[in-house]
Amino acid sequence: MPEKPKKQPQIKIELPSDLQPTYANFAIINHAYNEIIIDFAHVLANVPKTRVQTRIVMSPYHAKLLMNAMATNIGNYEKRFGEIKMKGAGIPDRPPINPDPAQVH
């Protein structure tokens, strides 16, 4: 009789009440053999300098899991809100100034 697959243990994730979000509109991605490094920054219009706000270092395996999760979530986002249209060097079209409140979550 075939064995039943083992159930993955449930991971409980805590969000600290004082957790501060970091907004980023720019990322620099580098890699070595055993890690992927992603630096996040917030670039302001007409300001020629910025500073890395957050650095994430992960294994290539976990980076690929993240990439797949991002692709799934962007696909779900586009099903709900429409295609994210890119122009030029990765600059998306601006979202509407007055979005439909029913579409905002």
N, C-alpha and C. Protein backbone atom coordinates (compact mmCIF):
# COMPACT_ATOMS: atom_id res chain seq x y z
N MET A 1 0.84 -1.17 0.00
CA MET A 1 0.00 0.00 0.00
C MET A 1 0.90 1.25 0.00
N PRO A 2 0.59 2.21 -0.90
CA PRO A 2 1.44 3.41 -0.96
C PRO A 2 1.30 4.26 0.31
N GLU A 3 2.43 4.88 0.67
CA GLU A 3 2.42 5.74 1.86
C GLU A 3 1.75 7.07 1.55
N LYS A 4 1.05 7.59 2.54
CA LYS A 4 0.45 8.92 2.39
C LYS A 4 1.56 9.97 2.48
N PRO A 5 1.46 11.00 1.63
CA PRO A 5 2.48 12.06 1.76
C PRO A 5 2.38 12.73 3.13
N LYS A 6 3.55 13.08 3.67
CA LYS A 6 3.56 13.74 4.98
C LYS A 6 3.03 15.16 4.84
N LYS A 7 2.25 15.57 5.82
CA LYS A 7 1.69 16.91 5.83
C LYS A 7 2.78 17.91 6.22
N GLN A 8 2.86 19.01 5.48
CA GLN A 8 3.81 20.06 5.83
C GLN A 8 3.34 20.74 7.10
N PRO A 9 4.25 21.02 8.03
CA PRO A 9 3.83 21.73 9.24
C PRO A 9 3.40 23.17 8.89
N GLN A 10 2.39 23.64 9.58
CA GLN A 10 1.90 25.01 9.38
C GLN A 10 2.87 25.99 10.03
N ILE A 11 3.28 27.00 9.29
CA ILE A 11 4.18 28.03 9.83
C ILE A 11 3.34 29.21 10.26
N LYS A 12 3.51 29.61 11.51
CA LYS A 12 2.80 30.78 12.02
C LYS A 12 3.70 32.00 11.85
N ILE A 13 3.20 32.99 11.14
CA ILE A 13 3.99 34.18 10.85
C ILE A 13 3.41 35.35 11.65
N GLU A 14 4.28 36.00 12.40
CA GLU A 14 3.88 37.16 13.19
C GLU A 14 4.27 38.44 12.47
N LEU A 15 3.38 39.41 12.48
CA LEU A 15 3.69 40.75 11.99
C LEU A 15 3.78 41.65 13.21
N PRO A 16 4.96 42.14 13.54
CA PRO A 16 5.08 43.02 14.70
C PRO A 16 4.21 44.26 14.53
N SER A 17 3.60 44.71 15.60
CA SER A 17 2.72 45.88 15.51
C SER A 17 3.48 47.13 15.14
N ASP A 18 4.79 47.18 15.39
CA ASP A 18 5.58 48.36 15.06
C ASP A 18 6.35 48.21 13.74
N LEU A 19 5.99 47.20 12.93
CA LEU A 19 6.66 46.99 11.66
C LEU A 19 6.43 48.18 10.74
N GLN A 20 7.50 48.75 10.23
CA GLN A 20 7.42 49.90 9.33
C GLN A 20 7.58 49.42 7.89
N PRO A 21 6.60 49.70 7.02
CA PRO A 21 6.76 49.30 5.62
C PRO A 21 7.81 50.17 4.94
N THR A 22 8.43 49.63 3.93
CA THR A 22 9.39 50.36 3.12
C THR A 22 8.87 50.39 1.70
N TYR A 23 8.70 51.59 1.15
CA TYR A 23 8.27 51.73 -0.24
C TYR A 23 9.51 51.70 -1.13
N ALA A 24 9.44 50.95 -2.21
CA ALA A 24 10.55 50.89 -3.17
C ALA A 24 9.99 50.95 -4.58
N ASN A 25 10.62 51.74 -5.42
CA ASN A 25 10.27 51.77 -6.83
C ASN A 25 11.49 51.47 -7.70
N PHE A 26 12.53 50.94 -7.07
CA PHE A 26 13.77 50.64 -7.76
C PHE A 26 14.46 49.49 -7.05
N ALA A 27 14.99 48.55 -7.82
CA ALA A 27 15.71 47.42 -7.23
C ALA A 27 16.96 47.14 -8.04
N ILE A 28 18.01 46.79 -7.34
CA ILE A 28 19.26 46.36 -7.96
C ILE A 28 19.44 44.91 -7.55
N ILE A 29 19.62 44.03 -8.52
CA ILE A 29 19.74 42.60 -8.23
C ILE A 29 21.11 42.11 -8.66
N ASN A 30 21.82 41.48 -7.74
CA ASN A 30 23.12 40.90 -8.01
C ASN A 30 23.12 39.46 -7.51
N HIS A 31 24.11 38.71 -7.90
CA HIS A 31 24.19 37.33 -7.44
C HIS A 31 25.63 36.86 -7.35
N ALA A 32 25.81 35.90 -6.49
CA ALA A 32 27.03 35.11 -6.41
C ALA A 32 26.59 33.67 -6.64
N TYR A 33 27.51 32.74 -6.55
CA TYR A 33 27.15 31.35 -6.80
C TYR A 33 26.04 30.86 -5.88
N ASN A 34 26.09 31.26 -4.61
CA ASN A 34 25.18 30.67 -3.62
C ASN A 34 24.16 31.65 -3.04
N GLU A 35 24.04 32.85 -3.62
CA GLU A 35 23.05 33.78 -3.08
C GLU A 35 22.63 34.81 -4.12
N ILE A 36 21.43 35.31 -3.94
CA ILE A 36 20.87 36.40 -4.75
C ILE A 36 20.71 37.57 -3.79
N ILE A 37 21.17 38.74 -4.20
CA ILE A 37 21.08 39.94 -3.37
C ILE A 37 20.18 40.95 -4.07
N ILE A 38 19.14 41.41 -3.37
CA ILE A 38 18.23 42.41 -3.93
C ILE A 38 18.27 43.63 -3.02
N ASP A 39 18.70 44.75 -3.58
CA ASP A 39 18.71 46.03 -2.86
C ASP A 39 17.52 46.85 -3.35
N PHE A 40 16.73 47.36 -2.41
CA PHE A 40 15.56 48.16 -2.74
C PHE A 40 15.80 49.62 -2.36
N ALA A 41 15.34 50.52 -3.24
CA ALA A 41 15.49 51.96 -3.00
C ALA A 41 14.24 52.67 -3.47
N HIS A 42 14.11 53.92 -3.06
CA HIS A 42 13.01 54.79 -3.47
C HIS A 42 13.64 55.95 -4.23
N VAL A 43 13.41 55.98 -5.54
CA VAL A 43 13.96 57.03 -6.39
C VAL A 43 12.90 58.11 -6.56
N LEU A 44 13.28 59.35 -6.30
CA LEU A 44 12.38 60.49 -6.46
C LEU A 44 12.66 61.18 -7.79
N ALA A 45 11.61 61.69 -8.42
CA ALA A 45 11.76 62.41 -9.68
C ALA A 45 12.67 63.63 -9.47
N ASN A 46 13.54 63.87 -10.43
CA ASN A 46 14.44 65.02 -10.44
C ASN A 46 15.43 65.05 -9.27
N VAL A 47 15.63 63.92 -8.61
CA VAL A 47 16.63 63.84 -7.54
C VAL A 47 17.67 62.82 -8.02
N PRO A 48 18.91 63.27 -8.28
CA PRO A 48 19.90 62.39 -8.90
C PRO A 48 20.54 61.36 -7.97
N LYS A 49 20.14 61.32 -6.71
CA LYS A 49 20.78 60.41 -5.75
C LYS A 49 19.70 59.73 -4.92
N THR A 50 19.95 58.48 -4.57
CA THR A 50 19.05 57.76 -3.67
C THR A 50 19.89 56.88 -2.76
N ARG A 51 19.24 56.21 -1.85
CA ARG A 51 19.93 55.36 -0.89
C ARG A 51 19.18 54.04 -0.78
N VAL A 52 19.93 52.94 -0.70
CA VAL A 52 19.30 51.63 -0.51
C VAL A 52 18.64 51.63 0.86
N GLN A 53 17.37 51.23 0.87
CA GLN A 53 16.59 51.20 2.11
C GLN A 53 16.57 49.81 2.74
N THR A 54 16.58 48.79 1.88
CA THR A 54 16.46 47.42 2.36
C THR A 54 17.28 46.50 1.47
N ARG A 55 17.98 45.57 2.09
CA ARG A 55 18.73 44.55 1.34
C ARG A 55 18.19 43.19 1.75
N ILE A 56 17.84 42.39 0.75
CA ILE A 56 17.38 41.02 0.98
C ILE A 56 18.40 40.08 0.34
N VAL A 57 18.86 39.11 1.11
CA VAL A 57 19.80 38.11 0.62
C VAL A 57 19.12 36.76 0.77
N MET A 58 19.09 35.99 -0.31
CA MET A 58 18.45 34.67 -0.25
C MET A 58 19.18 33.69 -1.15
N SER A 59 18.90 32.43 -0.92
CA SER A 59 19.50 31.39 -1.76
C SER A 59 18.86 31.47 -3.15
N PRO A 60 19.55 30.99 -4.18
CA PRO A 60 18.95 30.96 -5.52
C PRO A 60 17.63 30.17 -5.53
N TYR A 61 17.56 29.10 -4.76
CA TYR A 61 16.32 28.31 -4.69
C TYR A 61 15.16 29.16 -4.18
N HIS A 62 15.39 29.87 -3.08
CA HIS A 62 14.32 30.69 -2.51
C HIS A 62 14.02 31.91 -3.38
N ALA A 63 15.03 32.43 -4.08
CA ALA A 63 14.79 33.52 -5.02
C ALA A 63 13.87 33.06 -6.16
N LYS A 64 14.06 31.83 -6.60
CA LYS A 64 13.20 31.31 -7.67
C LYS A 64 11.78 31.08 -7.15
N LEU A 65 11.65 30.61 -5.91
CA LEU A 65 10.32 30.49 -5.32
C LEU A 65 9.64 31.87 -5.26
N LEU A 66 10.40 32.89 -4.86
CA LEU A 66 9.86 34.26 -4.82
C LEU A 66 9.46 34.72 -6.21
N MET A 67 10.30 34.47 -7.21
CA MET A 67 10.00 34.87 -8.58
C MET A 67 8.69 34.21 -9.05
N ASN A 68 8.52 32.93 -8.76
CA ASN A 68 7.29 32.23 -9.16
C ASN A 68 6.07 32.79 -8.43
N ALA A 69 6.23 33.09 -7.14
CA ALA A 69 5.12 33.67 -6.37
C ALA A 69 4.76 35.06 -6.90
N MET A 70 5.78 35.85 -7.26
CA MET A 70 5.53 37.18 -7.82
C MET A 70 4.79 37.06 -9.15
N ALA A 71 5.20 36.13 -10.01
CA ALA A 71 4.54 35.94 -11.30
C ALA A 71 3.08 35.55 -11.10
N THR A 72 2.82 34.67 -10.15
CA THR A 72 1.43 34.27 -9.87
C THR A 72 0.63 35.47 -9.36
N ASN A 73 1.19 36.24 -8.44
CA ASN A 73 0.47 37.37 -7.88
C ASN A 73 0.26 38.49 -8.89
N ILE A 74 1.23 38.75 -9.75
CA ILE A 74 1.05 39.77 -10.79
C ILE A 74 -0.01 39.31 -11.78
N GLY A 75 0.00 38.02 -12.10
CA GLY A 75 -1.06 37.48 -12.97
C GLY A 75 -2.43 37.66 -12.35
N ASN A 76 -2.57 37.40 -11.05
CA ASN A 76 -3.85 37.60 -10.36
C ASN A 76 -4.23 39.07 -10.34
N TYR A 77 -3.25 39.94 -10.10
CA TYR A 77 -3.49 41.39 -10.10
C TYR A 77 -4.03 41.83 -11.46
N GLU A 78 -3.38 41.36 -12.54
CA GLU A 78 -3.80 41.78 -13.88
C GLU A 78 -5.17 41.22 -14.25
N LYS A 79 -5.52 40.05 -13.76
CA LYS A 79 -6.87 39.53 -13.99
C LYS A 79 -7.91 40.44 -13.34
N ARG A 80 -7.56 40.97 -12.19
CA ARG A 80 -8.50 41.80 -11.43
C ARG A 80 -8.54 43.25 -11.92
N PHE A 81 -7.36 43.83 -12.21
CA PHE A 81 -7.27 45.26 -12.51
C PHE A 81 -6.89 45.57 -13.94
N GLY A 82 -6.53 44.58 -14.73
CA GLY A 82 -6.10 44.81 -16.10
C GLY A 82 -4.59 44.73 -16.22
N GLU A 83 -4.16 44.61 -17.47
CA GLU A 83 -2.73 44.45 -17.75
C GLU A 83 -1.93 45.66 -17.29
N ILE A 84 -0.76 45.39 -16.72
CA ILE A 84 0.19 46.45 -16.38
C ILE A 84 0.98 46.69 -17.66
N LYS A 85 0.74 47.82 -18.30
CA LYS A 85 1.39 48.11 -19.57
C LYS A 85 2.72 48.80 -19.32
N MET A 86 3.75 48.22 -19.89
CA MET A 86 5.10 48.75 -19.73
C MET A 86 5.47 49.55 -20.96
N LYS A 87 6.22 50.61 -20.76
CA LYS A 87 6.72 51.38 -21.90
C LYS A 87 8.17 51.74 -21.64
N GLY A 88 8.93 51.89 -22.68
CA GLY A 88 10.32 52.30 -22.53
C GLY A 88 11.12 51.30 -21.71
N ALA A 89 11.93 51.82 -20.83
CA ALA A 89 12.86 51.01 -20.04
C ALA A 89 12.21 50.52 -18.75
N GLY A 90 11.10 49.84 -18.87
CA GLY A 90 10.47 49.27 -17.69
C GLY A 90 9.62 50.25 -16.92
N ILE A 91 9.27 51.38 -17.53
CA ILE A 91 8.44 52.37 -16.84
C ILE A 91 6.99 52.10 -17.20
N PRO A 92 6.15 51.75 -16.22
CA PRO A 92 4.76 51.45 -16.54
C PRO A 92 3.99 52.73 -16.81
N ASP A 93 2.87 52.58 -17.54
CA ASP A 93 1.94 53.70 -17.70
C ASP A 93 1.44 54.08 -16.32
N ARG A 94 1.15 55.37 -16.15
CA ARG A 94 0.62 55.82 -14.86
C ARG A 94 -0.77 55.24 -14.63
N PRO A 95 -1.06 54.85 -13.39
CA PRO A 95 -2.43 54.40 -13.11
C PRO A 95 -3.36 55.60 -13.18
N PRO A 96 -4.66 55.37 -13.32
CA PRO A 96 -5.59 56.50 -13.38
C PRO A 96 -5.53 57.34 -12.11
N ILE A 97 -5.73 58.65 -12.26
CA ILE A 97 -5.68 59.56 -11.11
C ILE A 97 -6.81 59.24 -10.14
N ASN A 98 -8.00 58.98 -10.64
CA ASN A 98 -9.15 58.66 -9.79
C ASN A 98 -9.58 57.23 -10.05
N PRO A 99 -8.92 56.25 -9.40
CA PRO A 99 -9.30 54.85 -9.65
C PRO A 99 -10.69 54.56 -9.14
N ASP A 100 -11.30 53.55 -9.71
CA ASP A 100 -12.62 53.11 -9.28
C ASP A 100 -12.49 52.59 -7.84
N PRO A 101 -13.22 53.20 -6.88
CA PRO A 101 -13.09 52.77 -5.48
C PRO A 101 -13.40 51.29 -5.27
N ALA A 102 -14.24 50.71 -6.13
CA ALA A 102 -14.57 49.30 -5.99
C ALA A 102 -13.37 48.42 -6.32
N GLN A 103 -12.40 48.96 -7.07
CA GLN A 103 -11.25 48.19 -7.48
C GLN A 103 -10.06 48.34 -6.50
N VAL A 104 -10.15 49.30 -5.61
CA VAL A 104 -9.06 49.54 -4.66
C VAL A 104 -9.25 48.66 -3.45
N HIS A 105 -8.19 48.02 -3.03
CA HIS A 105 -8.29 47.14 -1.85
C HIS A 105 -7.35 47.57 -0.79
